Structures are given as structure tokens and as C-alpha cells.
Amino acid sequence: MISRFKKVLKVINPHFKKEQFLEEHNRLSPLNLQATISLLSRFRTEKALLFKDNSWPIDKLRRPFVLWLTSLTSKEKENIN
């Protein structure tokens, strides 16, 4: 049987740098969930147990980052930026 749809393999670099994570996250996110380098830095300090090294694997960190980001108030976001 011939498949109608080709499966597109998504290659995710497990060793994203912070800037690459930021670029990919902002590309995938609506305006109200856009991130900055300072927000990512604060996230890393508050959620240090999620990080094993300097890499930012988007498949592992994006969901916790979005949950953390949505828990912040507008004032907290302004203070971080």
C-alpha cells in the first residue's frame, strides 16, 4: 500500500544555543508569548534543574518555558526586561 502523505522528518538540534532557542521559540509563538534574552536568563536561573549543560533543547524546554512565561504578571515581565 502506498502512503498518500510523506512524513517530514523534523531534525531538532539537541544542542541549541540560547539565541537559537530564542529565535525558534519566537518564530513559533504568538506576540503575547514572545521572549527576550533576559527572560530566558531568568528562566534558566529559576529552573536550573532542567539544564544539564549550556544547550537549550527546544523539544525539552519550550513547554516548561511557556508555562513559566504565562505564570508571570505583566509587571514581572517588565521588571525582568
C-alpha atoms as a PDB file:
ATOM      1  CA  MET A   1       0.000   0.000   0.000  1.00  0.00           C
ATOM      2  CA  ILE A   2       1.362   3.392  -0.969  1.00  0.00           C
ATOM      3  CA  SER A   3       1.154   6.112   1.622  1.00  0.00           C
ATOM      4  CA  ARG A   4      -0.558   9.301   0.498  1.00  0.00           C
ATOM      5  CA  PHE A   5       1.436  11.528   2.730  1.00  0.00           C
ATOM      6  CA  LYS A   6       5.153  11.807   3.026  1.00  0.00           C
ATOM      7  CA  LYS A   7       6.344  12.027   6.554  1.00  0.00           C
ATOM      8  CA  VAL A   8       8.543  15.025   7.049  1.00  0.00           C
ATOM      9  CA  LEU A   9      11.299  14.251   9.444  1.00  0.00           C
ATOM     10  CA  LYS A  10      11.881  17.067  11.827  1.00  0.00           C
ATOM     11  CA  VAL A  11      15.504  17.321  12.768  1.00  0.00           C
ATOM     12  CA  ILE A  12      15.940  19.095  16.041  1.00  0.00           C
ATOM     13  CA  ASN A  13      19.421  20.025  17.071  1.00  0.00           C
ATOM     14  CA  PRO A  14      19.692  18.968  20.705  1.00  0.00           C
ATOM     15  CA  HIS A  15      22.455  21.492  21.260  1.00  0.00           C
ATOM     16  CA  PHE A  16      20.720  24.802  20.534  1.00  0.00           C
ATOM     17  CA  LYS A  17      22.380  27.868  21.930  1.00  0.00           C
ATOM     18  CA  LYS A  18      20.247  30.341  23.861  1.00  0.00           C
ATOM     19  CA  GLU A  19      19.999  32.667  20.845  1.00  0.00           C
ATOM     20  CA  GLN A  20      18.867  29.814  18.581  1.00  0.00           C
ATOM     21  CA  PHE A  21      16.249  28.751  21.128  1.00  0.00           C
ATOM     22  CA  LEU A  22      15.012  32.347  21.304  1.00  0.00           C
ATOM     23  CA  GLU A  23      14.750  32.607  17.527  1.00  0.00           C
ATOM     24  CA  GLU A  24      12.879  29.309  17.167  1.00  0.00           C
ATOM     25  CA  HIS A  25      10.569  29.983  20.120  1.00  0.00           C
ATOM     26  CA  ASN A  26       9.632  33.434  18.818  1.00  0.00           C
ATOM     27  CA  ARG A  27       9.038  32.044  15.336  1.00  0.00           C
ATOM     28  CA  LEU A  28       6.561  29.513  16.748  1.00  0.00           C
ATOM     29  CA  SER A  29       4.866  31.806  19.287  1.00  0.00           C
ATOM     30  CA  PRO A  30       2.161  34.472  19.132  1.00  0.00           C
ATOM     31  CA  LEU A  31       3.088  38.028  20.106  1.00  0.00           C
ATOM     32  CA  ASN A  32       1.951  37.681  23.712  1.00  0.00           C
ATOM     33  CA  LEU A  33       4.403  34.792  24.236  1.00  0.00           C
ATOM     34  CA  GLN A  34       7.456  36.339  22.581  1.00  0.00           C
ATOM     35  CA  ALA A  35      10.625  36.001  24.631  1.00  0.00           C
ATOM     36  CA  THR A  36      13.758  38.041  25.197  1.00  0.00           C
ATOM     37  CA  ILE A  37      17.277  37.050  26.210  1.00  0.00           C
ATOM     38  CA  SER A  38      16.679  38.468  29.698  1.00  0.00           C
ATOM     39  CA  LEU A  39      13.532  36.342  30.117  1.00  0.00           C
ATOM     40  CA  LEU A  40      15.475  33.254  29.058  1.00  0.00           C
ATOM     41  CA  SER A  41      18.246  34.074  31.513  1.00  0.00           C
ATOM     42  CA  ARG A  42      15.765  34.449  34.376  1.00  0.00           C
ATOM     43  CA  PHE A  43      14.050  31.201  33.363  1.00  0.00           C
ATOM     44  CA  ARG A  44      17.388  29.410  33.472  1.00  0.00           C
ATOM     45  CA  THR A  45      18.193  30.666  36.968  1.00  0.00           C
ATOM     46  CA  GLU A  46      14.738  29.789  38.311  1.00  0.00           C
ATOM     47  CA  LYS A  47      14.550  26.379  36.605  1.00  0.00           C
ATOM     48  CA  ALA A  48      18.191  25.309  36.871  1.00  0.00           C
ATOM     49  CA  LEU A  49      17.269  21.643  37.369  1.00  0.00           C
ATOM     50  CA  LEU A  50      16.027  21.461  33.760  1.00  0.00           C
ATOM     51  CA  PHE A  51      19.507  22.224  32.422  1.00  0.00           C
ATOM     52  CA  LYS A  52      22.334  19.704  32.261  1.00  0.00           C
ATOM     53  CA  ASP A  53      24.754  21.856  30.272  1.00  0.00           C
ATOM     54  CA  ASN A  54      24.742  25.010  28.155  1.00  0.00           C
ATOM     55  CA  SER A  55      22.417  23.602  25.498  1.00  0.00           C
ATOM     56  CA  TRP A  56      18.782  24.687  25.074  1.00  0.00           C
ATOM     57  CA  PRO A  57      16.919  21.715  23.530  1.00  0.00           C
ATOM     58  CA  ILE A  58      13.693  23.211  22.216  1.00  0.00           C
ATOM     59  CA  ASP A  59      11.786  19.940  22.456  1.00  0.00           C
ATOM     60  CA  LYS A  60      12.609  19.662  26.167  1.00  0.00           C
ATOM     61  CA  LEU A  61      12.494  23.288  27.321  1.00  0.00           C
ATOM     62  CA  ARG A  62       9.858  25.063  25.258  1.00  0.00           C
ATOM     63  CA  ARG A  63       6.805  23.748  27.089  1.00  0.00           C
ATOM     64  CA  PRO A  64       8.183  24.472  30.595  1.00  0.00           C
ATOM     65  CA  PHE A  65       9.279  27.898  29.355  1.00  0.00           C
ATOM     66  CA  VAL A  66       5.804  28.728  28.005  1.00  0.00           C
ATOM     67  CA  LEU A  67       4.185  27.585  31.260  1.00  0.00           C
ATOM     68  CA  TRP A  68       6.636  29.669  33.262  1.00  0.00           C
ATOM     69  CA  LEU A  69       6.159  32.659  30.959  1.00  0.00           C
ATOM     70  CA  THR A  70       2.357  32.551  31.216  1.00  0.00           C
ATOM     71  CA  SER A  71       2.595  32.436  35.012  1.00  0.00           C
ATOM     72  CA  LEU A  72       4.331  35.837  35.085  1.00  0.00           C
ATOM     73  CA  THR A  73       2.326  39.021  35.525  1.00  0.00           C
ATOM     74  CA  SER A  74       2.830  41.952  33.161  1.00  0.00           C
ATOM     75  CA  LYS A  75       4.679  43.826  35.872  1.00  0.00           C
ATOM     76  CA  GLU A  76       7.037  40.893  36.490  1.00  0.00           C
ATOM     77  CA  LYS A  77       7.804  40.693  32.763  1.00  0.00           C
ATOM     78  CA  GLU A  78       8.557  44.423  32.665  1.00  0.00           C
ATOM     79  CA  ASN A  79      10.861  44.132  35.686  1.00  0.00           C
ATOM     80  CA  ILE A  80      12.778  41.280  34.045  1.00  0.00           C
ATOM     81  CA  ASN A  81      13.178  43.168  30.763  1.00  0.00           C
END
